[in-house]
Amino acid sequence: MYYFLSMLSTTDIGLCISTLVTVLRIFWVNAREISFNACLLQMFFIHLFTFMESSVLLAMAFDRFVAISNPLRYATILTHARIAQIGLAVITRGTLILTPLVLLLRRLSFCQSHVLHHSYCFHPDVMKLSCSDTKINSAFGLTAIISTAGVDSIFILLSYVLIIRSVLNIASPEERKKAFSTCISHITAVAIFYIPLISLSFVHRFGKRAPPYVPTLIANVYLLIPPVMNPIIYSVKTKQIQKAMLKRVCSKGIHI
């Protein structure tokens, strides 16, 4: 569980760093320009860490399923080597899906307005600025989001169906409650990640009549809420993290 929490925190930090440069430049010095190559690079990492976070949430759902349905074999199923393989698969999957997406954008011509609606480079937003035919880009972008976040969300839902079935087979009501409580943090993390992501995708594809501030607001929520809330969620629900934080604070207080 702690390995997966480390992966989740790494993707959140990566997502923040990917947008930090342009967001701070806009708010601090009103610098509103970015080169095309830098925009593509930022877009690549934003979507990479987004896809990685979706994959990590799926891995955490599998982790909860194994811990509840087969606790005696937990350590033998999720070995250090297997977790390392999962981490490598998460990175490889996102890179392989995103590389063609970036290459397809490079072939487009941009001859209209070069003003983005967001404070960072987001694929649908950049694509809309092109005066070329973007049907292939749009189709590939939709395929990418379905094959990552779409597939992951289905498997997460399936994992919780199996978890609920396993919990209902537990005779003791107290043990049932304890088993369900271990999933609350993960369910909350899944909700605060997928709801803004799905909302942003729908707004870009179907919300053409929506006011301009709507996609901008959702885009900022999509990037800010999960990295801010995930540490709070897992700190509140995980006693080991609480003890570690208190120990750290107390040790610093004594040292001073």
C-alpha atoms as a PDB file:
ATOM      1  CA  MET A   1       0.000   0.000   0.000  1.00  0.00           C
ATOM      2  CA  TYR A   2       2.800   2.435   0.859  1.00  0.00           C
ATOM      3  CA  TYR A   3       4.555   1.805  -2.445  1.00  0.00           C
ATOM      4  CA  PHE A   4       1.359   2.688  -4.278  1.00  0.00           C
ATOM      5  CA  LEU A   5       0.882   5.774  -2.093  1.00  0.00           C
ATOM      6  CA  SER A   6       4.422   6.817  -3.040  1.00  0.00           C
ATOM      7  CA  MET A   7       3.551   6.370  -6.724  1.00  0.00           C
ATOM      8  CA  LEU A   8       0.379   8.426  -6.255  1.00  0.00           C
ATOM      9  CA  SER A   9       2.247  11.254  -4.534  1.00  0.00           C
ATOM     10  CA  THR A  10       4.920  11.185  -7.268  1.00  0.00           C
ATOM     11  CA  THR A  11       2.319  11.587 -10.025  1.00  0.00           C
ATOM     12  CA  ASP A  12       0.657  14.442  -8.091  1.00  0.00           C
ATOM     13  CA  ILE A  13       4.001  16.208  -7.667  1.00  0.00           C
ATOM     14  CA  GLY A  14       4.839  15.646 -11.338  1.00  0.00           C
ATOM     15  CA  LEU A  15       1.477  17.062 -12.392  1.00  0.00           C
ATOM     16  CA  CYS A  16       2.037  20.173 -10.264  1.00  0.00           C
ATOM     17  CA  ILE A  17       5.588  20.715 -11.548  1.00  0.00           C
ATOM     18  CA  SER A  18       4.421  20.301 -15.160  1.00  0.00           C
ATOM     19  CA  THR A  19       2.046  23.263 -14.832  1.00  0.00           C
ATOM     20  CA  LEU A  20       3.989  25.275 -12.253  1.00  0.00           C
ATOM     21  CA  VAL A  21       6.192  27.137 -14.742  1.00  0.00           C
ATOM     22  CA  THR A  22       3.449  28.628 -16.907  1.00  0.00           C
ATOM     23  CA  VAL A  23       0.964  29.219 -14.092  1.00  0.00           C
ATOM     24  CA  LEU A  24       3.481  31.124 -11.959  1.00  0.00           C
ATOM     25  CA  ARG A  25       4.730  33.101 -14.959  1.00  0.00           C
ATOM     26  CA  ILE A  26       1.168  34.209 -15.702  1.00  0.00           C
ATOM     27  CA  PHE A  27       0.251  35.184 -12.139  1.00  0.00           C
ATOM     28  CA  TRP A  28       3.604  36.638 -11.050  1.00  0.00           C
ATOM     29  CA  VAL A  29       4.961  38.502 -14.087  1.00  0.00           C
ATOM     30  CA  ASN A  30       2.037  38.313 -16.527  1.00  0.00           C
ATOM     31  CA  ALA A  31       4.205  36.370 -19.010  1.00  0.00           C
ATOM     32  CA  ARG A  32       1.635  34.836 -21.338  1.00  0.00           C
ATOM     33  CA  GLU A  33       3.794  33.386 -24.127  1.00  0.00           C
ATOM     34  CA  ILE A  34       5.230  29.911 -24.572  1.00  0.00           C
ATOM     35  CA  SER A  35       7.055  28.410 -27.543  1.00  0.00           C
ATOM     36  CA  PHE A  36       5.368  25.642 -29.509  1.00  0.00           C
ATOM     37  CA  ASN A  37       7.969  23.005 -28.575  1.00  0.00           C
ATOM     38  CA  ALA A  38       7.785  23.967 -24.888  1.00  0.00           C
ATOM     39  CA  CYS A  39       3.992  23.774 -25.108  1.00  0.00           C
ATOM     40  CA  LEU A  40       4.159  20.272 -26.590  1.00  0.00           C
ATOM     41  CA  LEU A  41       6.621  19.193 -23.893  1.00  0.00           C
ATOM     42  CA  GLN A  42       4.390  20.539 -21.130  1.00  0.00           C
ATOM     43  CA  MET A  43       1.341  18.904 -22.697  1.00  0.00           C
ATOM     44  CA  PHE A  44       3.164  15.574 -22.892  1.00  0.00           C
ATOM     45  CA  PHE A  45       4.052  15.566 -19.195  1.00  0.00           C
ATOM     46  CA  ILE A  46       0.636  16.815 -18.040  1.00  0.00           C
ATOM     47  CA  HIS A  47      -1.135  13.998 -19.876  1.00  0.00           C
ATOM     48  CA  LEU A  48       1.576  11.486 -18.949  1.00  0.00           C
ATOM     49  CA  PHE A  49       1.157  12.105 -15.223  1.00  0.00           C
ATOM     50  CA  THR A  50      -2.631  12.123 -15.649  1.00  0.00           C
ATOM     51  CA  PHE A  51      -2.585   8.694 -17.306  1.00  0.00           C
ATOM     52  CA  MET A  52      -0.079   7.471 -14.727  1.00  0.00           C
ATOM     53  CA  GLU A  53      -2.309   8.588 -11.855  1.00  0.00           C
ATOM     54  CA  SER A  54      -5.251   6.766 -13.415  1.00  0.00           C
ATOM     55  CA  SER A  55      -3.129   3.602 -13.662  1.00  0.00           C
ATOM     56  CA  VAL A  56      -1.903   3.964 -10.075  1.00  0.00           C
ATOM     57  CA  LEU A  57      -5.486   4.294  -8.823  1.00  0.00           C
ATOM     58  CA  LEU A  58      -6.298   1.068 -10.666  1.00  0.00           C
ATOM     59  CA  ALA A  59      -3.288  -0.644  -9.065  1.00  0.00           C
ATOM     60  CA  MET A  60      -4.454   0.583  -5.651  1.00  0.00           C
ATOM     61  CA  ALA A  61      -7.909  -0.882  -6.303  1.00  0.00           C
ATOM     62  CA  PHE A  62      -6.251  -4.227  -7.056  1.00  0.00           C
ATOM     63  CA  ASP A  63      -4.196  -3.821  -3.877  1.00  0.00           C
ATOM     64  CA  ARG A  64      -7.374  -3.355  -1.802  1.00  0.00           C
ATOM     65  CA  PHE A  65      -9.020  -6.336  -3.492  1.00  0.00           C
ATOM     66  CA  VAL A  66      -6.084  -8.638  -2.693  1.00  0.00           C
ATOM     67  CA  ALA A  67      -5.823  -7.329   0.884  1.00  0.00           C
ATOM     68  CA  ILE A  68      -9.521  -7.986   1.584  1.00  0.00           C
ATOM     69  CA  SER A  69     -10.248 -11.137  -0.422  1.00  0.00           C
ATOM     70  CA  ASN A  70      -6.972 -12.985   0.144  1.00  0.00           C
ATOM     71  CA  PRO A  71      -5.070 -11.360   3.040  1.00  0.00           C
ATOM     72  CA  LEU A  72      -2.932 -14.436   3.823  1.00  0.00           C
ATOM     73  CA  ARG A  73      -1.400 -14.387   0.338  1.00  0.00           C
ATOM     74  CA  TYR A  74      -1.080 -10.599   0.122  1.00  0.00           C
ATOM     75  CA  ALA A  75       2.713 -10.534   0.578  1.00  0.00           C
ATOM     76  CA  THR A  76       3.267 -13.344  -1.910  1.00  0.00           C
ATOM     77  CA  ILE A  77       1.027 -11.819  -4.608  1.00  0.00           C
ATOM     78  CA  LEU A  78       2.210  -8.206  -4.345  1.00  0.00           C
ATOM     79  CA  THR A  79       5.958  -8.799  -4.055  1.00  0.00           C
ATOM     80  CA  HIS A  80       8.559  -6.040  -4.423  1.00  0.00           C
ATOM     81  CA  ALA A  81       9.418  -7.269  -7.929  1.00  0.00           C
ATOM     82  CA  ARG A  82       5.772  -7.309  -8.994  1.00  0.00           C
ATOM     83  CA  ILE A  83       5.181  -3.788  -7.690  1.00  0.00           C
ATOM     84  CA  ALA A  84       8.282  -2.621  -9.603  1.00  0.00           C
ATOM     85  CA  GLN A  85       6.861  -4.239 -12.749  1.00  0.00           C
ATOM     86  CA  ILE A  86       3.552  -2.450 -12.200  1.00  0.00           C
ATOM     87  CA  GLY A  87       5.377   0.876 -11.852  1.00  0.00           C
ATOM     88  CA  LEU A  88       7.346   0.249 -15.055  1.00  0.00           C
ATOM     89  CA  ALA A  89       4.166  -0.756 -16.896  1.00  0.00           C
ATOM     90  CA  VAL A  90       2.441   2.454 -15.738  1.00  0.00           C
ATOM     91  CA  ILE A  91       5.232   4.636 -17.181  1.00  0.00           C
ATOM     92  CA  THR A  92       5.585   2.621 -20.403  1.00  0.00           C
ATOM     93  CA  ARG A  93       1.860   2.599 -21.087  1.00  0.00           C
ATOM     94  CA  GLY A  94       1.517   6.370 -20.754  1.00  0.00           C
ATOM     95  CA  THR A  95       4.607   7.067 -22.884  1.00  0.00           C
ATOM     96  CA  LEU A  96       3.546   4.747 -25.723  1.00  0.00           C
ATOM     97  CA  ILE A  97       0.059   6.270 -25.888  1.00  0.00           C
ATOM     98  CA  LEU A  98       1.188   9.906 -25.714  1.00  0.00           C
ATOM     99  CA  THR A  99       4.121   9.856 -28.141  1.00  0.00           C
ATOM    100  CA  PRO A 100       1.915   9.501 -31.281  1.00  0.00           C
ATOM    101  CA  LEU A 101      -0.429  12.160 -29.861  1.00  0.00           C
ATOM    102  CA  VAL A 102       2.414  14.700 -29.741  1.00  0.00           C
ATOM    103  CA  LEU A 103       3.759  13.702 -33.171  1.00  0.00           C
ATOM    104  CA  LEU A 104       0.304  14.138 -34.706  1.00  0.00           C
ATOM    105  CA  LEU A 105       0.108  17.667 -33.280  1.00  0.00           C
ATOM    106  CA  ARG A 106       3.463  18.618 -34.806  1.00  0.00           C
ATOM    107  CA  ARG A 107       2.162  18.017 -38.326  1.00  0.00           C
ATOM    108  CA  LEU A 108      -0.656  20.559 -37.927  1.00  0.00           C
ATOM    109  CA  SER A 109      -0.564  24.140 -39.152  1.00  0.00           C
ATOM    110  CA  PHE A 110      -1.447  26.967 -36.774  1.00  0.00           C
ATOM    111  CA  CYS A 111      -2.603  30.070 -38.612  1.00  0.00           C
ATOM    112  CA  GLN A 112      -5.480  31.345 -36.483  1.00  0.00           C
ATOM    113  CA  SER A 113      -5.632  32.745 -32.957  1.00  0.00           C
ATOM    114  CA  HIS A 114      -2.836  31.423 -30.733  1.00  0.00           C
ATOM    115  CA  VAL A 115      -4.607  32.147 -27.455  1.00  0.00           C
ATOM    116  CA  LEU A 116      -5.158  29.153 -25.176  1.00  0.00           C
ATOM    117  CA  HIS A 117      -8.124  29.008 -22.801  1.00  0.00           C
ATOM    118  CA  HIS A 118      -6.091  27.466 -19.982  1.00  0.00           C
ATOM    119  CA  SER A 119      -2.990  28.491 -18.053  1.00  0.00           C
ATOM    120  CA  TYR A 120      -1.196  25.428 -19.437  1.00  0.00           C
ATOM    121  CA  CYS A 121      -1.080  23.400 -22.665  1.00  0.00           C
ATOM    122  CA  PHE A 122      -3.910  20.876 -22.823  1.00  0.00           C
ATOM    123  CA  HIS A 123      -4.313  18.664 -25.909  1.00  0.00           C
ATOM    124  CA  PRO A 124      -7.909  19.574 -26.925  1.00  0.00           C
ATOM    125  CA  ASP A 125      -7.166  23.257 -26.297  1.00  0.00           C
ATOM    126  CA  VAL A 126      -4.010  23.247 -28.458  1.00  0.00           C
ATOM    127  CA  MET A 127      -5.688  21.191 -31.174  1.00  0.00           C
ATOM    128  CA  LYS A 128      -8.534  23.713 -31.537  1.00  0.00           C
ATOM    129  CA  LEU A 129      -6.046  26.441 -32.525  1.00  0.00           C
ATOM    130  CA  SER A 130      -5.060  24.602 -35.700  1.00  0.00           C
ATOM    131  CA  CYS A 131      -6.443  25.499 -39.123  1.00  0.00           C
ATOM    132  CA  SER A 132      -5.655  21.990 -40.437  1.00  0.00           C
ATOM    133  CA  ASP A 133      -7.931  18.973 -40.442  1.00  0.00           C
ATOM    134  CA  THR A 134      -7.875  17.640 -36.878  1.00  0.00           C
ATOM    135  CA  LYS A 135     -10.175  14.637 -37.277  1.00  0.00           C
ATOM    136  CA  ILE A 136      -7.306  12.160 -36.828  1.00  0.00           C
ATOM    137  CA  ASN A 137      -6.004  14.053 -33.795  1.00  0.00           C
ATOM    138  CA  SER A 138      -9.462  14.203 -32.248  1.00  0.00           C
ATOM    139  CA  ALA A 139     -10.094  10.507 -32.853  1.00  0.00           C
ATOM    140  CA  PHE A 140      -6.700   9.516 -31.464  1.00  0.00           C
ATOM    141  CA  GLY A 141      -7.160  11.777 -28.436  1.00  0.00           C
ATOM    142  CA  LEU A 142     -10.544  10.205 -27.715  1.00  0.00           C
ATOM    143  CA  THR A 143      -9.020   6.741 -28.147  1.00  0.00           C
ATOM    144  CA  ALA A 144      -6.216   7.642 -25.733  1.00  0.00           C
ATOM    145  CA  ILE A 145      -8.561   8.837 -22.982  1.00  0.00           C
ATOM    146  CA  ILE A 146     -10.879   5.837 -23.404  1.00  0.00           C
ATOM    147  CA  SER A 147      -8.018   3.303 -23.418  1.00  0.00           C
ATOM    148  CA  THR A 148      -6.531   4.791 -20.248  1.00  0.00           C
ATOM    149  CA  ALA A 149      -8.941   6.548 -17.897  1.00  0.00           C
ATOM    150  CA  GLY A 150     -11.980   4.853 -19.443  1.00  0.00           C
ATOM    151  CA  VAL A 151     -10.622   1.316 -19.169  1.00  0.00           C
ATOM    152  CA  ASP A 152      -9.098   2.002 -15.745  1.00  0.00           C
ATOM    153  CA  SER A 153     -12.384   3.311 -14.338  1.00  0.00           C
ATOM    154  CA  ILE A 154     -14.220   0.189 -15.550  1.00  0.00           C
ATOM    155  CA  PHE A 155     -11.659  -2.105 -13.914  1.00  0.00           C
ATOM    156  CA  ILE A 156     -11.763  -0.048 -10.702  1.00  0.00           C
ATOM    157  CA  LEU A 157     -15.552  -0.454 -10.643  1.00  0.00           C
ATOM    158  CA  LEU A 158     -15.160  -4.188 -11.264  1.00  0.00           C
ATOM    159  CA  SER A 159     -12.607  -4.407  -8.445  1.00  0.00           C
ATOM    160  CA  TYR A 160     -15.071  -2.848  -6.014  1.00  0.00           C
ATOM    161  CA  VAL A 161     -17.835  -5.203  -7.123  1.00  0.00           C
ATOM    162  CA  LEU A 162     -15.517  -8.090  -6.203  1.00  0.00           C
ATOM    163  CA  ILE A 163     -14.488  -6.328  -2.975  1.00  0.00           C
ATOM    164  CA  ILE A 164     -18.132  -5.868  -1.937  1.00  0.00           C
ATOM    165  CA  ARG A 165     -18.830  -9.530  -2.668  1.00  0.00           C
ATOM    166  CA  SER A 166     -15.829 -10.558  -0.551  1.00  0.00           C
ATOM    167  CA  VAL A 167     -16.847  -8.258   2.310  1.00  0.00           C
ATOM    168  CA  LEU A 168     -20.420  -9.575   2.326  1.00  0.00           C
ATOM    169  CA  ASN A 169     -19.027 -13.085   2.824  1.00  0.00           C
ATOM    170  CA  ILE A 170     -17.431 -11.966   6.091  1.00  0.00           C
ATOM    171  CA  ALA A 171     -19.564 -13.125   8.999  1.00  0.00           C
ATOM    172  CA  SER A 172     -18.605 -10.512  11.596  1.00  0.00           C
ATOM    173  CA  PRO A 173     -20.270  -7.071  11.179  1.00  0.00           C
ATOM    174  CA  GLU A 174     -17.255  -5.415  12.814  1.00  0.00           C
ATOM    175  CA  GLU A 175     -14.882  -7.048  10.338  1.00  0.00           C
ATOM    176  CA  ARG A 176     -17.128  -5.939   7.481  1.00  0.00           C
ATOM    177  CA  LYS A 177     -17.028  -2.356   8.710  1.00  0.00           C
ATOM    178  CA  LYS A 178     -13.259  -2.509   9.121  1.00  0.00           C
ATOM    179  CA  ALA A 179     -12.812  -3.894   5.601  1.00  0.00           C
ATOM    180  CA  PHE A 180     -15.019  -1.204   4.060  1.00  0.00           C
ATOM    181  CA  SER A 181     -13.231   1.557   6.008  1.00  0.00           C
ATOM    182  CA  THR A 182      -9.908   0.623   4.397  1.00  0.00           C
ATOM    183  CA  CYS A 183     -11.415   1.501   1.004  1.00  0.00           C
ATOM    184  CA  ILE A 184     -12.856   4.934   1.869  1.00  0.00           C
ATOM    185  CA  SER A 185      -9.645   6.845   1.170  1.00  0.00           C
ATOM    186  CA  HIS A 186      -9.171   5.191  -2.199  1.00  0.00           C
ATOM    187  CA  ILE A 187     -12.805   5.709  -3.243  1.00  0.00           C
ATOM    188  CA  THR A 188     -12.511   9.411  -2.365  1.00  0.00           C
ATOM    189  CA  ALA A 189      -9.239   9.727  -4.302  1.00  0.00           C
ATOM    190  CA  VAL A 190     -10.861   8.065  -7.328  1.00  0.00           C
ATOM    191  CA  ALA A 191     -13.834  10.449  -7.161  1.00  0.00           C
ATOM    192  CA  ILE A 192     -11.793  13.651  -6.928  1.00  0.00           C
ATOM    193  CA  PHE A 193      -9.629  12.495  -9.844  1.00  0.00           C
ATOM    194  CA  TYR A 194     -12.207  11.141 -12.300  1.00  0.00           C
ATOM    195  CA  ILE A 195     -15.067  13.613 -11.802  1.00  0.00           C
ATOM    196  CA  PRO A 196     -13.058  16.734 -12.869  1.00  0.00           C
ATOM    197  CA  LEU A 197     -11.294  14.753 -15.628  1.00  0.00           C
ATOM    198  CA  ILE A 198     -14.546  13.485 -17.135  1.00  0.00           C
ATOM    199  CA  SER A 199     -16.157  16.928 -16.744  1.00  0.00           C
ATOM    200  CA  LEU A 200     -13.253  18.606 -18.562  1.00  0.00           C
ATOM    201  CA  SER A 201     -13.362  16.072 -21.398  1.00  0.00           C
ATOM    202  CA  PHE A 202     -17.115  16.536 -21.833  1.00  0.00           C
ATOM    203  CA  VAL A 203     -16.839  20.336 -21.783  1.00  0.00           C
ATOM    204  CA  HIS A 204     -14.174  20.329 -24.508  1.00  0.00           C
ATOM    205  CA  ARG A 205     -16.095  17.922 -26.745  1.00  0.00           C
ATOM    206  CA  PHE A 206     -19.734  18.850 -26.148  1.00  0.00           C
ATOM    207  CA  GLY A 207     -19.744  22.200 -24.327  1.00  0.00           C
ATOM    208  CA  LYS A 208     -19.260  24.524 -27.292  1.00  0.00           C
ATOM    209  CA  ARG A 209     -22.009  26.844 -26.042  1.00  0.00           C
ATOM    210  CA  ALA A 210     -20.676  26.947 -22.482  1.00  0.00           C
ATOM    211  CA  PRO A 211     -19.244  30.277 -21.249  1.00  0.00           C
ATOM    212  CA  PRO A 212     -15.447  30.577 -21.732  1.00  0.00           C
ATOM    213  CA  TYR A 213     -14.750  30.571 -17.996  1.00  0.00           C
ATOM    214  CA  VAL A 214     -16.366  27.136 -17.505  1.00  0.00           C
ATOM    215  CA  PRO A 215     -13.621  25.008 -19.151  1.00  0.00           C
ATOM    216  CA  THR A 216     -10.964  27.204 -17.551  1.00  0.00           C
ATOM    217  CA  LEU A 217     -12.468  26.732 -14.087  1.00  0.00           C
ATOM    218  CA  ILE A 218     -12.863  22.964 -14.510  1.00  0.00           C
ATOM    219  CA  ALA A 219      -9.318  22.689 -15.895  1.00  0.00           C
ATOM    220  CA  ASN A 220      -7.856  24.392 -12.826  1.00  0.00           C
ATOM    221  CA  VAL A 221      -9.977  22.253 -10.501  1.00  0.00           C
ATOM    222  CA  TYR A 222      -8.833  19.151 -12.383  1.00  0.00           C
ATOM    223  CA  LEU A 223      -5.169  20.002 -11.770  1.00  0.00           C
ATOM    224  CA  LEU A 224      -5.352  21.522  -8.282  1.00  0.00           C
ATOM    225  CA  ILE A 225      -7.866  19.456  -6.317  1.00  0.00           C
ATOM    226  CA  PRO A 226      -6.341  15.927  -6.490  1.00  0.00           C
ATOM    227  CA  PRO A 227      -2.768  16.964  -5.495  1.00  0.00           C
ATOM    228  CA  VAL A 228      -4.135  19.090  -2.632  1.00  0.00           C
ATOM    229  CA  MET A 229      -6.719  16.627  -1.356  1.00  0.00           C
ATOM    230  CA  ASN A 230      -4.899  13.280  -1.692  1.00  0.00           C
ATOM    231  CA  PRO A 231      -2.355  13.962   1.096  1.00  0.00           C
ATOM    232  CA  ILE A 232      -5.165  15.161   3.364  1.00  0.00           C
ATOM    233  CA  ILE A 233      -7.370  12.160   2.608  1.00  0.00           C
ATOM    234  CA  TYR A 234      -4.676   9.581   3.302  1.00  0.00           C
ATOM    235  CA  SER A 235      -3.306  11.466   6.321  1.00  0.00           C
ATOM    236  CA  VAL A 236      -6.738  11.529   7.931  1.00  0.00           C
ATOM    237  CA  LYS A 237      -7.545   7.857   7.296  1.00  0.00           C
ATOM    238  CA  THR A 238      -4.131   6.207   7.722  1.00  0.00           C
ATOM    239  CA  LYS A 239      -2.957   5.988  11.337  1.00  0.00           C
ATOM    240  CA  GLN A 240       0.605   5.071  10.374  1.00  0.00           C
ATOM    241  CA  ILE A 241       0.950   8.300   8.359  1.00  0.00           C
ATOM    242  CA  GLN A 242      -0.527  10.290  11.258  1.00  0.00           C
ATOM    243  CA  LYS A 243       1.985   8.765  13.700  1.00  0.00           C
ATOM    244  CA  ALA A 244       4.886   9.424  11.332  1.00  0.00           C
ATOM    245  CA  MET A 245       3.854  13.065  10.877  1.00  0.00           C
ATOM    246  CA  LEU A 246       3.411  13.604  14.623  1.00  0.00           C
ATOM    247  CA  LYS A 247       6.768  11.976  15.315  1.00  0.00           C
ATOM    248  CA  ARG A 248       8.390  14.236  12.737  1.00  0.00           C
ATOM    249  CA  VAL A 249       6.780  17.387  14.168  1.00  0.00           C
ATOM    250  CA  CYS A 250       7.607  16.419  17.779  1.00  0.00           C
ATOM    251  CA  SER A 251      11.236  15.623  16.937  1.00  0.00           C
ATOM    252  CA  LYS A 252      11.638  19.004  15.255  1.00  0.00           C
ATOM    253  CA  GLY A 253      10.022  20.717  18.241  1.00  0.00           C
ATOM    254  CA  ILE A 254      12.414  19.051  20.698  1.00  0.00           C
ATOM    255  CA  HIS A 255      15.425  19.852  18.537  1.00  0.00           C
ATOM    256  CA  ILE A 256      14.538  23.547  18.487  1.00  0.00           C
END
